[in-house]
């Protein structure tokens, strides 16, 4: 990879560089290894987010928490910090834990109480939107870095 691509990815704030660079170092033993890890994550993310969408409709908070936990770990292991942090929110909100004291913005949503499942679903939907945004930005940055479509 060129130095410019490395610097662009590092400056993006989308990856934890210390983790990412360790994965890239593994390419010395097996060419393309790191890229295959990220490709697997892309597939995993897409499938898991379909499950999350289904469970939002069903308001299954326990399953949403579990899915958030699953993706949080996978994203963190790859250094994808923007995605990992949003998945942590999904995990916690699914357990009805507003650990970051997030407040709903829309006036009609502010009427919801934390005793209502709809309150937690709204928080999860916000985290989900941010995770998707982080995913798209990360995928684009990684496509540029690897000079290939993940």
N, C-alpha and C. Protein backbone atom coordinates (compact mmCIF):
# COMPACT_ATOMS: atom_id res chain seq x y z
N UNK A 1 0.83 -1.18 0.00
CA UNK A 1 0.00 0.00 0.00
C UNK A 1 0.88 1.25 0.00
N UNK A 2 0.38 2.27 -0.63
CA UNK A 2 1.17 3.50 -0.67
C UNK A 2 1.07 4.23 0.66
N UNK A 3 2.04 5.03 0.94
CA UNK A 3 2.07 5.82 2.17
C UNK A 3 0.86 6.76 2.23
N UNK A 4 0.48 7.31 1.08
CA UNK A 4 -0.67 8.22 1.03
C UNK A 4 -1.95 7.50 1.45
N UNK A 5 -2.16 6.28 0.98
CA UNK A 5 -3.35 5.52 1.34
C UNK A 5 -3.35 5.20 2.83
N UNK A 6 -2.19 4.86 3.35
CA UNK A 6 -2.08 4.57 4.79
C UNK A 6 -2.44 5.80 5.60
N UNK A 7 -1.88 6.95 5.21
CA UNK A 7 -2.16 8.18 5.94
C UNK A 7 -3.63 8.58 5.85
N UNK A 8 -4.22 8.43 4.68
CA UNK A 8 -5.64 8.77 4.51
C UNK A 8 -6.52 7.92 5.42
N UNK A 9 -6.24 6.63 5.48
CA UNK A 9 -7.04 5.76 6.34
C UNK A 9 -6.80 6.08 7.80
N UNK A 10 -5.56 6.32 8.14
CA UNK A 10 -5.22 6.63 9.52
C UNK A 10 -5.90 7.93 9.98
N UNK A 11 -5.92 8.93 9.11
CA UNK A 11 -6.51 10.23 9.45
C UNK A 11 -8.04 10.21 9.43
N UNK A 12 -8.64 9.19 8.84
CA UNK A 12 -10.10 9.15 8.68
C UNK A 12 -10.83 9.05 10.01
N UNK A 13 -10.16 8.53 11.03
CA UNK A 13 -10.83 8.34 12.32
C UNK A 13 -11.78 7.16 12.33
N UNK A 14 -11.76 6.37 11.28
CA UNK A 14 -12.68 5.23 11.17
C UNK A 14 -12.09 3.95 11.75
N UNK A 15 -10.76 3.90 11.85
CA UNK A 15 -10.11 2.70 12.35
C UNK A 15 -9.17 3.04 13.50
N UNK A 16 -9.03 2.08 14.38
CA UNK A 16 -8.02 2.16 15.44
C UNK A 16 -6.73 1.66 14.81
N UNK A 17 -5.81 2.57 14.55
CA UNK A 17 -4.65 2.24 13.72
C UNK A 17 -3.79 1.14 14.33
N UNK A 18 -3.65 1.11 15.64
CA UNK A 18 -2.79 0.09 16.26
C UNK A 18 -3.33 -1.32 15.98
N UNK A 19 -4.63 -1.47 16.02
CA UNK A 19 -5.24 -2.77 15.73
C UNK A 19 -5.13 -3.07 14.23
N UNK A 20 -5.48 -2.10 13.42
CA UNK A 20 -5.46 -2.28 11.97
C UNK A 20 -4.07 -2.65 11.47
N UNK A 21 -3.05 -1.95 11.96
CA UNK A 21 -1.69 -2.20 11.48
C UNK A 21 -1.21 -3.60 11.86
N UNK A 22 -1.65 -4.12 13.00
CA UNK A 22 -1.30 -5.49 13.37
C UNK A 22 -1.92 -6.49 12.39
N UNK A 23 -3.14 -6.23 11.97
CA UNK A 23 -3.79 -7.12 11.00
C UNK A 23 -3.07 -7.06 9.65
N UNK A 24 -2.69 -5.87 9.24
CA UNK A 24 -1.98 -5.71 7.97
C UNK A 24 -0.63 -6.44 8.02
N UNK A 25 0.01 -6.43 9.19
CA UNK A 25 1.30 -7.11 9.33
C UNK A 25 1.17 -8.61 9.07
N UNK A 26 -0.01 -9.17 9.32
CA UNK A 26 -0.23 -10.60 9.08
C UNK A 26 -0.18 -10.96 7.60
N UNK A 27 -0.31 -9.95 6.73
CA UNK A 27 -0.21 -10.20 5.29
C UNK A 27 1.18 -10.68 4.89
N UNK A 28 2.18 -10.40 5.73
CA UNK A 28 3.52 -10.85 5.42
C UNK A 28 3.60 -12.38 5.40
N UNK A 29 2.80 -13.02 6.25
CA UNK A 29 2.77 -14.48 6.31
C UNK A 29 1.84 -15.07 5.26
N UNK A 30 0.74 -14.38 5.02
CA UNK A 30 -0.25 -14.88 4.06
C UNK A 30 -0.83 -13.68 3.30
N UNK A 31 -0.44 -13.53 2.06
CA UNK A 31 -0.86 -12.38 1.27
C UNK A 31 -2.38 -12.33 1.16
N UNK A 32 -2.94 -11.14 1.40
CA UNK A 32 -4.38 -10.94 1.28
C UNK A 32 -5.17 -11.34 2.51
N UNK A 33 -4.47 -11.77 3.57
CA UNK A 33 -5.16 -12.24 4.77
C UNK A 33 -6.03 -11.15 5.39
N UNK A 34 -5.47 -9.96 5.57
CA UNK A 34 -6.22 -8.88 6.22
C UNK A 34 -7.44 -8.49 5.38
N UNK A 35 -7.26 -8.41 4.10
CA UNK A 35 -8.39 -8.06 3.23
C UNK A 35 -9.51 -9.09 3.36
N UNK A 36 -9.16 -10.37 3.46
CA UNK A 36 -10.19 -11.41 3.60
C UNK A 36 -10.94 -11.27 4.92
N UNK A 37 -10.26 -10.82 5.97
CA UNK A 37 -10.94 -10.58 7.25
C UNK A 37 -11.99 -9.47 7.11
N UNK A 38 -11.62 -8.42 6.42
CA UNK A 38 -12.55 -7.30 6.25
C UNK A 38 -13.70 -7.69 5.32
N UNK A 39 -13.42 -8.50 4.32
CA UNK A 39 -14.49 -8.97 3.43
C UNK A 39 -15.49 -9.81 4.22
N UNK A 40 -14.98 -10.68 5.07
CA UNK A 40 -15.85 -11.50 5.91
C UNK A 40 -16.70 -10.61 6.81
N UNK A 41 -16.11 -9.56 7.36
CA UNK A 41 -16.87 -8.65 8.21
C UNK A 41 -17.96 -7.94 7.42
N UNK A 42 -17.67 -7.50 6.22
CA UNK A 42 -18.68 -6.84 5.38
C UNK A 42 -19.89 -7.76 5.20
N UNK A 43 -19.63 -9.00 4.86
CA UNK A 43 -20.72 -9.98 4.69
C UNK A 43 -21.48 -10.18 6.00
N UNK A 44 -20.74 -10.30 7.08
CA UNK A 44 -21.33 -10.50 8.41
C UNK A 44 -22.20 -9.30 8.80
N UNK A 45 -21.71 -8.12 8.54
CA UNK A 45 -22.44 -6.90 8.88
C UNK A 45 -23.78 -6.85 8.14
N UNK A 46 -23.73 -7.11 6.85
CA UNK A 46 -24.95 -7.05 6.03
C UNK A 46 -25.98 -8.05 6.53
N UNK A 47 -25.56 -9.27 6.79
CA UNK A 47 -26.48 -10.31 7.28
C UNK A 47 -27.03 -9.96 8.66
N UNK A 48 -26.17 -9.51 9.54
CA UNK A 48 -26.60 -9.20 10.90
C UNK A 48 -27.55 -8.01 10.92
N UNK A 49 -27.31 -7.04 10.06
CA UNK A 49 -28.21 -5.89 10.03
C UNK A 49 -29.58 -6.24 9.48
N UNK A 50 -29.67 -7.24 8.65
CA UNK A 50 -30.99 -7.74 8.23
C UNK A 50 -31.71 -8.31 9.45
N UNK A 51 -30.99 -9.05 10.27
CA UNK A 51 -31.57 -9.61 11.50
C UNK A 51 -31.98 -8.49 12.46
N UNK A 52 -31.15 -7.47 12.56
CA UNK A 52 -31.48 -6.35 13.44
C UNK A 52 -32.76 -5.67 12.96
N UNK A 53 -32.87 -5.44 11.67
CA UNK A 53 -34.09 -4.82 11.13
C UNK A 53 -35.32 -5.65 11.48
N UNK A 54 -35.23 -6.97 11.33
CA UNK A 54 -36.35 -7.86 11.67
C UNK A 54 -36.70 -7.77 13.14
N UNK A 55 -35.69 -7.73 13.99
CA UNK A 55 -35.93 -7.70 15.43
C UNK A 55 -36.40 -6.34 15.92
N UNK A 56 -36.10 -5.28 15.18
CA UNK A 56 -36.66 -3.97 15.52
C UNK A 56 -38.18 -4.02 15.30
N UNK A 57 -38.59 -4.61 14.18
CA UNK A 57 -40.03 -4.73 13.90
C UNK A 57 -40.73 -5.52 15.00
N UNK A 58 -40.05 -6.55 15.50
CA UNK A 58 -40.63 -7.40 16.54
C UNK A 58 -40.42 -6.83 17.95
N UNK A 59 -39.63 -5.77 18.05
CA UNK A 59 -39.28 -5.14 19.33
C UNK A 59 -38.66 -6.15 20.29
N UNK A 60 -37.80 -6.99 19.74
CA UNK A 60 -37.12 -8.02 20.53
C UNK A 60 -35.81 -7.44 21.06
N UNK A 61 -35.90 -6.78 22.21
CA UNK A 61 -34.75 -6.06 22.76
C UNK A 61 -33.61 -6.99 23.14
N UNK A 62 -33.93 -8.16 23.68
CA UNK A 62 -32.87 -9.10 24.06
C UNK A 62 -32.06 -9.54 22.84
N UNK A 63 -32.74 -9.88 21.77
CA UNK A 63 -32.05 -10.31 20.55
C UNK A 63 -31.26 -9.15 19.95
N UNK A 64 -31.83 -7.94 19.99
CA UNK A 64 -31.12 -6.76 19.48
C UNK A 64 -29.82 -6.54 20.27
N UNK A 65 -29.90 -6.69 21.58
CA UNK A 65 -28.71 -6.55 22.41
C UNK A 65 -27.66 -7.58 22.02
N UNK A 66 -28.10 -8.81 21.83
CA UNK A 66 -27.18 -9.89 21.46
C UNK A 66 -26.52 -9.62 20.10
N UNK A 67 -27.30 -9.16 19.13
CA UNK A 67 -26.76 -8.86 17.80
C UNK A 67 -25.79 -7.68 17.86
N UNK A 68 -26.13 -6.68 18.66
CA UNK A 68 -25.22 -5.54 18.84
C UNK A 68 -23.90 -5.98 19.45
N UNK A 69 -23.99 -6.86 20.45
CA UNK A 69 -22.79 -7.38 21.10
C UNK A 69 -21.92 -8.15 20.11
N UNK A 70 -22.54 -8.97 19.30
CA UNK A 70 -21.85 -9.78 18.30
C UNK A 70 -21.07 -8.90 17.32
N UNK A 71 -21.75 -7.90 16.76
CA UNK A 71 -21.07 -7.03 15.80
C UNK A 71 -20.05 -6.11 16.47
N UNK A 72 -20.32 -5.71 17.69
CA UNK A 72 -19.37 -4.85 18.42
C UNK A 72 -18.03 -5.55 18.53
N UNK A 73 -18.07 -6.81 18.92
CA UNK A 73 -16.83 -7.57 19.07
C UNK A 73 -16.09 -7.75 17.76
N UNK A 74 -16.83 -8.08 16.71
CA UNK A 74 -16.21 -8.27 15.40
C UNK A 74 -15.58 -6.98 14.89
N UNK A 75 -16.32 -5.88 15.02
CA UNK A 75 -15.81 -4.60 14.55
C UNK A 75 -14.58 -4.16 15.36
N UNK A 76 -14.64 -4.35 16.67
CA UNK A 76 -13.52 -3.96 17.52
C UNK A 76 -12.27 -4.77 17.21
N UNK A 77 -12.45 -6.06 16.94
CA UNK A 77 -11.30 -6.93 16.63
C UNK A 77 -10.60 -6.49 15.35
N UNK A 78 -11.33 -5.81 14.47
CA UNK A 78 -10.75 -5.32 13.22
C UNK A 78 -10.33 -3.85 13.31
N UNK A 79 -10.58 -3.24 14.47
CA UNK A 79 -10.21 -1.84 14.65
C UNK A 79 -11.21 -0.86 14.06
N UNK A 80 -12.41 -1.32 13.76
CA UNK A 80 -13.44 -0.46 13.16
C UNK A 80 -14.21 0.25 14.27
N UNK A 81 -13.61 1.30 14.80
CA UNK A 81 -14.09 1.92 16.02
C UNK A 81 -15.43 2.64 15.87
N UNK A 82 -15.70 3.24 14.75
CA UNK A 82 -16.98 3.95 14.55
C UNK A 82 -18.13 2.95 14.58
N UNK A 83 -17.94 1.81 13.96
CA UNK A 83 -18.98 0.79 13.94
C UNK A 83 -19.11 0.16 15.33
N UNK A 84 -18.00 -0.17 15.93
CA UNK A 84 -17.99 -0.81 17.24
C UNK A 84 -18.72 0.02 18.30
N UNK A 85 -18.48 1.32 18.29
CA UNK A 85 -19.10 2.18 19.31
C UNK A 85 -20.62 2.23 19.14
N UNK A 86 -21.10 2.21 17.91
CA UNK A 86 -22.55 2.24 17.68
C UNK A 86 -23.18 0.89 18.03
N UNK A 87 -22.46 -0.17 17.78
CA UNK A 87 -22.97 -1.50 18.13
C UNK A 87 -23.00 -1.68 19.65
N UNK A 88 -22.07 -1.02 20.34
CA UNK A 88 -22.11 -1.02 21.80
C UNK A 88 -23.39 -0.33 22.29
N UNK A 89 -23.77 0.73 21.62
CA UNK A 89 -25.02 1.41 21.98
C UNK A 89 -26.21 0.46 21.78
N UNK A 90 -26.25 -0.25 20.65
CA UNK A 90 -27.34 -1.20 20.40
C UNK A 90 -27.38 -2.25 21.50
N UNK A 91 -26.22 -2.77 21.85
CA UNK A 91 -26.14 -3.79 22.90
C UNK A 91 -26.72 -3.27 24.21
N UNK A 92 -26.28 -2.09 24.62
CA UNK A 92 -26.73 -1.54 25.90
C UNK A 92 -28.20 -1.14 25.89
N UNK A 93 -28.66 -0.53 24.81
CA UNK A 93 -30.06 -0.12 24.74
C UNK A 93 -30.97 -1.34 24.74
N UNK A 94 -30.52 -2.43 24.15
CA UNK A 94 -31.30 -3.66 24.18
C UNK A 94 -31.48 -4.19 25.59
N UNK A 95 -30.55 -3.85 26.47
CA UNK A 95 -30.64 -4.21 27.89
C UNK A 95 -31.28 -3.09 28.71
N UNK A 96 -31.85 -2.12 28.01
CA UNK A 96 -32.49 -0.96 28.63
C UNK A 96 -31.52 -0.20 29.53
N UNK A 97 -30.32 -0.02 29.00
CA UNK A 97 -29.27 0.70 29.71
C UNK A 97 -28.84 1.89 28.85
N UNK A 98 -29.28 3.07 29.25
CA UNK A 98 -28.91 4.29 28.53
C UNK A 98 -27.58 4.79 29.10
N UNK A 99 -26.54 4.00 28.87
CA UNK A 99 -25.22 4.23 29.45
C UNK A 99 -24.59 5.55 29.03
N UNK A 100 -24.99 6.09 27.90
CA UNK A 100 -24.41 7.34 27.41
C UNK A 100 -25.38 8.52 27.55
N UNK A 101 -26.49 8.30 28.26
CA UNK A 101 -27.50 9.34 28.51
C UNK A 101 -27.98 10.02 27.23
N UNK A 102 -28.14 9.20 26.19
CA UNK A 102 -28.60 9.73 24.90
C UNK A 102 -30.03 10.23 25.03
N UNK A 103 -30.30 11.36 24.42
CA UNK A 103 -31.65 11.94 24.46
C UNK A 103 -32.22 11.97 23.05
N UNK A 104 -33.48 11.59 22.96
CA UNK A 104 -34.18 11.63 21.67
C UNK A 104 -34.39 13.07 21.26
N UNK A 105 -34.31 13.33 19.97
CA UNK A 105 -34.34 14.70 19.46
C UNK A 105 -35.74 15.16 19.02
N UNK A 106 -36.49 14.24 18.42
CA UNK A 106 -37.80 14.64 17.90
C UNK A 106 -38.76 14.89 19.05
N UNK A 107 -39.56 15.92 18.89
CA UNK A 107 -40.49 16.33 19.95
C UNK A 107 -41.43 15.21 20.35
N UNK A 108 -41.98 14.50 19.35
CA UNK A 108 -42.93 13.42 19.68
C UNK A 108 -42.25 12.25 20.38
N UNK A 109 -40.95 12.06 20.13
CA UNK A 109 -40.22 10.97 20.78
C UNK A 109 -39.87 11.31 22.22
N UNK A 110 -39.74 12.60 22.52
CA UNK A 110 -39.38 13.02 23.87
C UNK A 110 -40.45 12.64 24.89
N UNK A 111 -41.66 12.36 24.42
CA UNK A 111 -42.76 11.97 25.32
C UNK A 111 -42.62 10.53 25.79
N UNK A 112 -41.80 9.75 25.10
CA UNK A 112 -41.62 8.35 25.47
C UNK A 112 -40.86 8.25 26.79
N UNK A 113 -41.23 7.29 27.59
CA UNK A 113 -40.56 7.04 28.87
C UNK A 113 -39.65 5.83 28.74
N UNK A 114 -38.64 5.76 29.59
CA UNK A 114 -37.72 4.63 29.51
C UNK A 114 -38.33 3.32 30.00
N UNK A 115 -39.57 3.38 30.41
CA UNK A 115 -40.29 2.16 30.75
C UNK A 115 -41.00 1.57 29.52
N UNK A 116 -41.03 2.32 28.43
CA UNK A 116 -41.67 1.88 27.18
C UNK A 116 -40.62 1.25 26.26
N UNK A 117 -40.94 0.09 25.71
CA UNK A 117 -40.03 -0.53 24.74
C UNK A 117 -39.78 0.36 23.54
N UNK A 118 -40.79 1.16 23.18
CA UNK A 118 -40.63 2.06 22.03
C UNK A 118 -39.51 3.07 22.25
N UNK A 119 -39.29 3.48 23.49
CA UNK A 119 -38.19 4.39 23.83
C UNK A 119 -36.86 3.74 23.45
N UNK A 120 -36.69 2.50 23.84
CA UNK A 120 -35.44 1.78 23.58
C UNK A 120 -35.27 1.48 22.09
N UNK A 121 -36.37 1.19 21.42
CA UNK A 121 -36.32 0.95 19.98
C UNK A 121 -35.85 2.22 19.27
N UNK A 122 -36.35 3.38 19.68
CA UNK A 122 -35.92 4.65 19.07
C UNK A 122 -34.41 4.88 19.28
N UNK A 123 -33.92 4.57 20.49
CA UNK A 123 -32.49 4.72 20.74
C UNK A 123 -31.69 3.77 19.85
N UNK A 124 -32.17 2.54 19.73
CA UNK A 124 -31.49 1.55 18.89
C UNK A 124 -31.52 2.00 17.43
N UNK A 125 -32.63 2.55 16.98
CA UNK A 125 -32.73 3.02 15.60
C UNK A 125 -31.71 4.12 15.31
N UNK A 126 -31.47 5.00 16.30
CA UNK A 126 -30.46 6.04 16.12
C UNK A 126 -29.07 5.41 15.99
N UNK A 127 -28.77 4.48 16.88
CA UNK A 127 -27.47 3.81 16.84
C UNK A 127 -27.31 3.03 15.53
N UNK A 128 -28.38 2.42 15.10
CA UNK A 128 -28.38 1.64 13.86
C UNK A 128 -28.06 2.53 12.66
N UNK A 129 -28.69 3.69 12.62
CA UNK A 129 -28.44 4.64 11.53
C UNK A 129 -26.97 5.08 11.53
N UNK A 130 -26.44 5.37 12.71
CA UNK A 130 -25.04 5.77 12.82
C UNK A 130 -24.09 4.63 12.46
N UNK A 131 -24.46 3.41 12.85
CA UNK A 131 -23.62 2.25 12.51
C UNK A 131 -23.60 2.02 11.01
N UNK A 132 -24.75 2.17 10.38
CA UNK A 132 -24.80 2.01 8.92
C UNK A 132 -23.94 3.07 8.22
N UNK A 133 -24.03 4.29 8.72
CA UNK A 133 -23.22 5.37 8.16
C UNK A 133 -21.73 5.06 8.35
N UNK A 134 -21.36 4.62 9.55
CA UNK A 134 -19.98 4.25 9.82
C UNK A 134 -19.52 3.09 8.95
N UNK A 135 -20.42 2.15 8.71
CA UNK A 135 -20.11 1.02 7.85
C UNK A 135 -19.82 1.48 6.42
N UNK A 136 -20.70 2.31 5.88
CA UNK A 136 -20.51 2.78 4.51
C UNK A 136 -19.21 3.57 4.36
N UNK A 137 -18.93 4.44 5.33
CA UNK A 137 -17.70 5.23 5.28
C UNK A 137 -16.47 4.34 5.44
N UNK A 138 -16.54 3.40 6.36
CA UNK A 138 -15.41 2.48 6.58
C UNK A 138 -15.18 1.61 5.36
N UNK A 139 -16.26 1.10 4.80
CA UNK A 139 -16.13 0.23 3.62
C UNK A 139 -15.50 1.01 2.46
N UNK A 140 -15.93 2.23 2.26
CA UNK A 140 -15.37 3.07 1.21
C UNK A 140 -13.88 3.33 1.44
N UNK A 141 -13.53 3.66 2.68
CA UNK A 141 -12.13 3.93 3.01
C UNK A 141 -11.28 2.68 2.84
N UNK A 142 -11.82 1.53 3.21
CA UNK A 142 -11.07 0.27 3.06
C UNK A 142 -10.96 -0.12 1.59
N UNK A 143 -12.01 0.15 0.82
CA UNK A 143 -11.94 -0.10 -0.63
C UNK A 143 -10.78 0.70 -1.24
N UNK A 144 -10.67 1.96 -0.82
CA UNK A 144 -9.58 2.81 -1.31
C UNK A 144 -8.23 2.26 -0.85
N UNK A 145 -8.17 1.86 0.41
CA UNK A 145 -6.91 1.36 0.96
C UNK A 145 -6.45 0.09 0.24
N UNK A 146 -7.37 -0.86 0.06
CA UNK A 146 -7.02 -2.14 -0.56
C UNK A 146 -7.05 -2.07 -2.09
N UNK A 147 -7.50 -0.96 -2.63
CA UNK A 147 -7.62 -0.82 -4.09
C UNK A 147 -8.50 -1.90 -4.68
N UNK A 148 -9.60 -2.20 -3.98
CA UNK A 148 -10.49 -3.27 -4.40
C UNK A 148 -11.83 -3.08 -3.69
N UNK A 149 -12.86 -3.69 -4.25
CA UNK A 149 -14.20 -3.63 -3.66
C UNK A 149 -14.37 -4.76 -2.65
N UNK A 150 -14.68 -4.39 -1.41
CA UNK A 150 -14.94 -5.41 -0.39
C UNK A 150 -16.36 -5.92 -0.52
